[in-house]
Amino acid sequence: MLELARNVAKFAAETQTKPGGVLNLGYFIATVVSVGASKMDVSRPFDSTTLSLPYVSSAASLNPGDPCFVLVPGSLANAIVLGDGKLSNL
């Protein structure tokens, strides 16, 4: 988790130092639909679309129906599930 935080900080610093660089870092709370070996299916509130996203090892204990925190660096193609929706493990 610490390494992920360092990488996000590095990404933010590199983006801000580039000419015209704009930090495009978003997040949202989603609901776990299912958990696979390397990806987790989640859905955003009021949206029936399911997103299949990678997750960190500390999020592996989440169960279907649990809220989860999704970090989006840039676009949804880069999104990752970081943990529960309460952020208790950050």
N, C-alpha and C. Protein backbone atom coordinates (compact mmCIF):
# COMPACT_ATOMS: atom_id res chain seq x y z
N MET A 1 0.83 -1.18 0.00
CA MET A 1 0.00 0.00 0.00
C MET A 1 0.88 1.25 0.00
N LEU A 2 1.95 1.20 0.78
CA LEU A 2 2.86 2.34 0.85
C LEU A 2 3.50 2.60 -0.51
N GLU A 3 3.88 1.52 -1.20
CA GLU A 3 4.49 1.66 -2.53
C GLU A 3 3.49 2.28 -3.51
N LEU A 4 2.21 1.88 -3.42
CA LEU A 4 1.19 2.46 -4.28
C LEU A 4 1.04 3.96 -4.02
N ALA A 5 1.03 4.34 -2.75
CA ALA A 5 0.92 5.76 -2.40
C ALA A 5 2.11 6.55 -2.95
N ARG A 6 3.30 5.96 -2.86
CA ARG A 6 4.49 6.64 -3.40
C ARG A 6 4.39 6.78 -4.92
N ASN A 7 3.90 5.75 -5.60
CA ASN A 7 3.76 5.82 -7.06
C ASN A 7 2.72 6.85 -7.48
N VAL A 8 1.63 6.96 -6.74
CA VAL A 8 0.61 7.97 -7.05
C VAL A 8 1.20 9.36 -6.85
N ALA A 9 1.95 9.55 -5.77
CA ALA A 9 2.58 10.85 -5.52
C ALA A 9 3.59 11.18 -6.62
N LYS A 10 4.35 10.17 -7.06
CA LYS A 10 5.32 10.38 -8.14
C LYS A 10 4.61 10.74 -9.43
N PHE A 11 3.52 10.04 -9.73
CA PHE A 11 2.72 10.34 -10.92
C PHE A 11 2.20 11.78 -10.86
N ALA A 12 1.71 12.20 -9.71
CA ALA A 12 1.19 13.55 -9.56
C ALA A 12 2.28 14.59 -9.76
N ALA A 13 3.45 14.33 -9.16
CA ALA A 13 4.56 15.28 -9.29
C ALA A 13 5.04 15.38 -10.73
N GLU A 14 5.16 14.25 -11.43
CA GLU A 14 5.60 14.26 -12.82
C GLU A 14 4.60 14.95 -13.73
N THR A 15 3.33 14.75 -13.46
CA THR A 15 2.28 15.37 -14.28
C THR A 15 2.28 16.88 -14.10
N GLN A 16 2.47 17.34 -12.88
CA GLN A 16 2.43 18.77 -12.61
C GLN A 16 3.67 19.49 -13.11
N THR A 17 4.78 18.78 -13.28
CA THR A 17 6.00 19.46 -13.72
C THR A 17 6.12 19.51 -15.25
N LYS A 18 5.30 18.75 -15.96
CA LYS A 18 5.33 18.81 -17.42
C LYS A 18 4.66 20.09 -17.89
N PRO A 19 5.17 20.70 -18.97
CA PRO A 19 4.54 21.91 -19.48
C PRO A 19 3.08 21.64 -19.84
N GLY A 20 2.20 22.42 -19.28
CA GLY A 20 0.78 22.25 -19.54
C GLY A 20 0.18 21.04 -18.86
N GLY A 21 0.94 20.41 -17.97
CA GLY A 21 0.47 19.21 -17.30
C GLY A 21 -0.68 19.50 -16.36
N VAL A 22 -1.69 18.67 -16.43
CA VAL A 22 -2.84 18.80 -15.55
C VAL A 22 -3.03 17.47 -14.85
N LEU A 23 -3.14 17.51 -13.56
CA LEU A 23 -3.33 16.29 -12.79
C LEU A 23 -4.77 15.83 -12.95
N ASN A 24 -4.95 14.68 -13.53
CA ASN A 24 -6.28 14.11 -13.75
C ASN A 24 -6.39 12.86 -12.89
N LEU A 25 -6.68 13.06 -11.62
CA LEU A 25 -6.76 11.97 -10.67
C LEU A 25 -8.13 12.00 -10.03
N GLY A 26 -8.91 10.96 -10.24
CA GLY A 26 -10.26 10.91 -9.69
C GLY A 26 -10.45 9.68 -8.83
N TYR A 27 -11.61 9.60 -8.22
CA TYR A 27 -11.96 8.45 -7.39
C TYR A 27 -13.47 8.38 -7.26
N PHE A 28 -13.95 7.23 -6.86
CA PHE A 28 -15.36 7.08 -6.55
C PHE A 28 -15.54 5.86 -5.65
N ILE A 29 -16.67 5.82 -4.97
CA ILE A 29 -17.05 4.68 -4.15
C ILE A 29 -17.99 3.83 -4.99
N ALA A 30 -17.71 2.54 -5.08
CA ALA A 30 -18.53 1.62 -5.86
C ALA A 30 -18.98 0.47 -4.96
N THR A 31 -19.79 -0.42 -5.53
CA THR A 31 -20.24 -1.61 -4.82
C THR A 31 -19.66 -2.84 -5.51
N VAL A 32 -19.10 -3.75 -4.71
CA VAL A 32 -18.52 -4.98 -5.25
C VAL A 32 -19.65 -5.87 -5.76
N VAL A 33 -19.51 -6.34 -7.01
CA VAL A 33 -20.47 -7.27 -7.60
C VAL A 33 -19.94 -8.70 -7.49
N SER A 34 -18.67 -8.90 -7.84
CA SER A 34 -18.04 -10.21 -7.70
C SER A 34 -16.53 -10.03 -7.62
N VAL A 35 -15.86 -11.04 -7.06
CA VAL A 35 -14.40 -10.99 -6.89
C VAL A 35 -13.78 -12.19 -7.60
N GLY A 36 -12.84 -11.91 -8.51
CA GLY A 36 -12.12 -12.97 -9.21
C GLY A 36 -10.69 -13.06 -8.72
N ALA A 37 -9.89 -13.86 -9.39
CA ALA A 37 -8.51 -14.07 -8.98
C ALA A 37 -7.66 -12.81 -9.14
N SER A 38 -7.90 -12.03 -10.19
CA SER A 38 -7.08 -10.84 -10.40
C SER A 38 -7.89 -9.57 -10.63
N LYS A 39 -9.19 -9.73 -10.85
CA LYS A 39 -10.04 -8.55 -11.08
C LYS A 39 -11.30 -8.64 -10.24
N MET A 40 -11.88 -7.49 -9.99
CA MET A 40 -13.08 -7.38 -9.20
C MET A 40 -14.12 -6.64 -10.03
N ASP A 41 -15.33 -7.17 -10.09
CA ASP A 41 -16.41 -6.48 -10.79
C ASP A 41 -17.10 -5.56 -9.81
N VAL A 42 -17.21 -4.29 -10.20
CA VAL A 42 -17.83 -3.28 -9.34
C VAL A 42 -18.85 -2.49 -10.15
N SER A 43 -19.78 -1.85 -9.45
CA SER A 43 -20.74 -0.98 -10.11
C SER A 43 -20.83 0.33 -9.33
N ARG A 44 -21.00 1.41 -10.08
CA ARG A 44 -21.15 2.73 -9.46
C ARG A 44 -22.59 2.90 -9.00
N PRO A 45 -22.82 3.78 -8.03
CA PRO A 45 -24.19 4.02 -7.56
C PRO A 45 -25.09 4.49 -8.71
N PHE A 46 -26.30 3.98 -8.75
CA PHE A 46 -27.32 4.36 -9.73
C PHE A 46 -26.90 4.04 -11.17
N ASP A 47 -26.02 3.05 -11.34
CA ASP A 47 -25.55 2.67 -12.67
C ASP A 47 -25.50 1.14 -12.72
N SER A 48 -26.15 0.55 -13.71
CA SER A 48 -26.18 -0.91 -13.80
C SER A 48 -24.96 -1.47 -14.51
N THR A 49 -24.10 -0.60 -15.06
CA THR A 49 -22.89 -1.04 -15.75
C THR A 49 -21.91 -1.64 -14.75
N THR A 50 -21.31 -2.75 -15.12
CA THR A 50 -20.31 -3.40 -14.27
C THR A 50 -18.93 -3.16 -14.86
N LEU A 51 -18.00 -2.72 -14.01
CA LEU A 51 -16.61 -2.50 -14.40
C LEU A 51 -15.76 -3.62 -13.82
N SER A 52 -14.91 -4.21 -14.63
CA SER A 52 -14.00 -5.24 -14.16
C SER A 52 -12.63 -4.60 -13.96
N LEU A 53 -12.22 -4.45 -12.69
CA LEU A 53 -11.01 -3.70 -12.36
C LEU A 53 -10.03 -4.54 -11.55
N PRO A 54 -8.72 -4.28 -11.71
CA PRO A 54 -7.74 -4.94 -10.84
C PRO A 54 -7.86 -4.38 -9.43
N TYR A 55 -7.33 -5.12 -8.47
CA TYR A 55 -7.40 -4.66 -7.08
C TYR A 55 -6.12 -5.00 -6.34
N VAL A 56 -5.86 -4.26 -5.27
CA VAL A 56 -4.69 -4.52 -4.43
C VAL A 56 -5.01 -5.68 -3.50
N SER A 57 -3.99 -6.32 -2.98
CA SER A 57 -4.19 -7.52 -2.16
C SER A 57 -5.04 -7.26 -0.92
N SER A 58 -4.96 -6.06 -0.36
CA SER A 58 -5.75 -5.77 0.84
C SER A 58 -7.24 -5.69 0.53
N ALA A 59 -7.62 -5.55 -0.73
CA ALA A 59 -9.04 -5.49 -1.11
C ALA A 59 -9.60 -6.88 -1.39
N ALA A 60 -8.76 -7.93 -1.36
CA ALA A 60 -9.20 -9.28 -1.68
C ALA A 60 -10.25 -9.80 -0.70
N SER A 61 -10.31 -9.23 0.48
CA SER A 61 -11.26 -9.70 1.49
C SER A 61 -12.66 -9.11 1.31
N LEU A 62 -12.83 -8.22 0.33
CA LEU A 62 -14.15 -7.63 0.09
C LEU A 62 -15.09 -8.69 -0.48
N ASN A 63 -16.36 -8.58 -0.13
CA ASN A 63 -17.38 -9.51 -0.58
C ASN A 63 -18.40 -8.78 -1.44
N PRO A 64 -19.14 -9.51 -2.28
CA PRO A 64 -20.20 -8.87 -3.06
C PRO A 64 -21.16 -8.09 -2.15
N GLY A 65 -21.47 -6.88 -2.56
CA GLY A 65 -22.34 -6.01 -1.76
C GLY A 65 -21.58 -5.00 -0.92
N ASP A 66 -20.29 -5.23 -0.70
CA ASP A 66 -19.47 -4.30 0.09
C ASP A 66 -19.14 -3.05 -0.72
N PRO A 67 -19.03 -1.89 -0.05
CA PRO A 67 -18.56 -0.70 -0.76
C PRO A 67 -17.05 -0.78 -0.95
N CYS A 68 -16.53 -0.16 -2.01
CA CYS A 68 -15.09 -0.15 -2.24
C CYS A 68 -14.67 1.20 -2.80
N PHE A 69 -13.42 1.54 -2.58
CA PHE A 69 -12.83 2.80 -3.04
C PHE A 69 -12.07 2.53 -4.33
N VAL A 70 -12.40 3.27 -5.40
CA VAL A 70 -11.75 3.09 -6.69
C VAL A 70 -10.96 4.35 -7.03
N LEU A 71 -9.67 4.19 -7.26
CA LEU A 71 -8.79 5.30 -7.67
C LEU A 71 -8.69 5.29 -9.19
N VAL A 72 -8.85 6.47 -9.80
CA VAL A 72 -8.83 6.59 -11.26
C VAL A 72 -7.75 7.58 -11.68
N PRO A 73 -6.52 7.12 -11.93
CA PRO A 73 -5.47 8.02 -12.42
C PRO A 73 -5.56 8.15 -13.94
N GLY A 74 -6.10 9.24 -14.39
CA GLY A 74 -6.24 9.48 -15.83
C GLY A 74 -7.60 9.08 -16.35
N SER A 75 -7.76 7.80 -16.73
CA SER A 75 -9.04 7.34 -17.27
C SER A 75 -9.42 6.02 -16.60
N LEU A 76 -10.65 5.57 -16.87
CA LEU A 76 -11.11 4.31 -16.28
C LEU A 76 -10.25 3.12 -16.69
N ALA A 77 -9.52 3.25 -17.80
CA ALA A 77 -8.64 2.16 -18.23
C ALA A 77 -7.52 1.94 -17.21
N ASN A 78 -7.23 2.93 -16.37
CA ASN A 78 -6.16 2.84 -15.36
C ASN A 78 -6.71 2.64 -13.94
N ALA A 79 -8.01 2.52 -13.79
CA ALA A 79 -8.63 2.45 -12.46
C ALA A 79 -8.22 1.19 -11.71
N ILE A 80 -8.19 1.31 -10.37
CA ILE A 80 -7.83 0.18 -9.51
C ILE A 80 -8.63 0.29 -8.21
N VAL A 81 -9.07 -0.86 -7.70
CA VAL A 81 -9.79 -0.92 -6.42
C VAL A 81 -8.75 -0.94 -5.31
N LEU A 82 -8.84 0.04 -4.41
CA LEU A 82 -7.84 0.14 -3.33
C LEU A 82 -8.28 -0.45 -2.02
N GLY A 83 -9.54 -0.50 -1.74
CA GLY A 83 -9.95 -1.05 -0.45
C GLY A 83 -11.41 -0.78 -0.19
N ASP A 84 -11.79 -0.91 1.07
CA ASP A 84 -13.20 -0.72 1.40
C ASP A 84 -13.61 0.74 1.28
N GLY A 85 -14.92 0.95 1.16
CA GLY A 85 -15.45 2.29 0.97
C GLY A 85 -15.26 3.21 2.15
N LYS A 86 -14.84 2.66 3.29
CA LYS A 86 -14.60 3.47 4.49
C LYS A 86 -13.16 3.95 4.55
N LEU A 87 -12.30 3.43 3.66
CA LEU A 87 -10.89 3.78 3.62
C LEU A 87 -10.16 3.40 4.91
N SER A 88 -10.66 2.39 5.60
CA SER A 88 -10.06 2.00 6.88
C SER A 88 -8.68 1.38 6.71
N ASN A 89 -8.35 0.92 5.50
CA ASN A 89 -7.05 0.27 5.33
C ASN A 89 -6.02 1.18 4.66
N LEU A 90 -6.32 2.44 4.47
CA LEU A 90 -5.35 3.35 3.85
C LEU A 90 -4.55 4.07 4.89
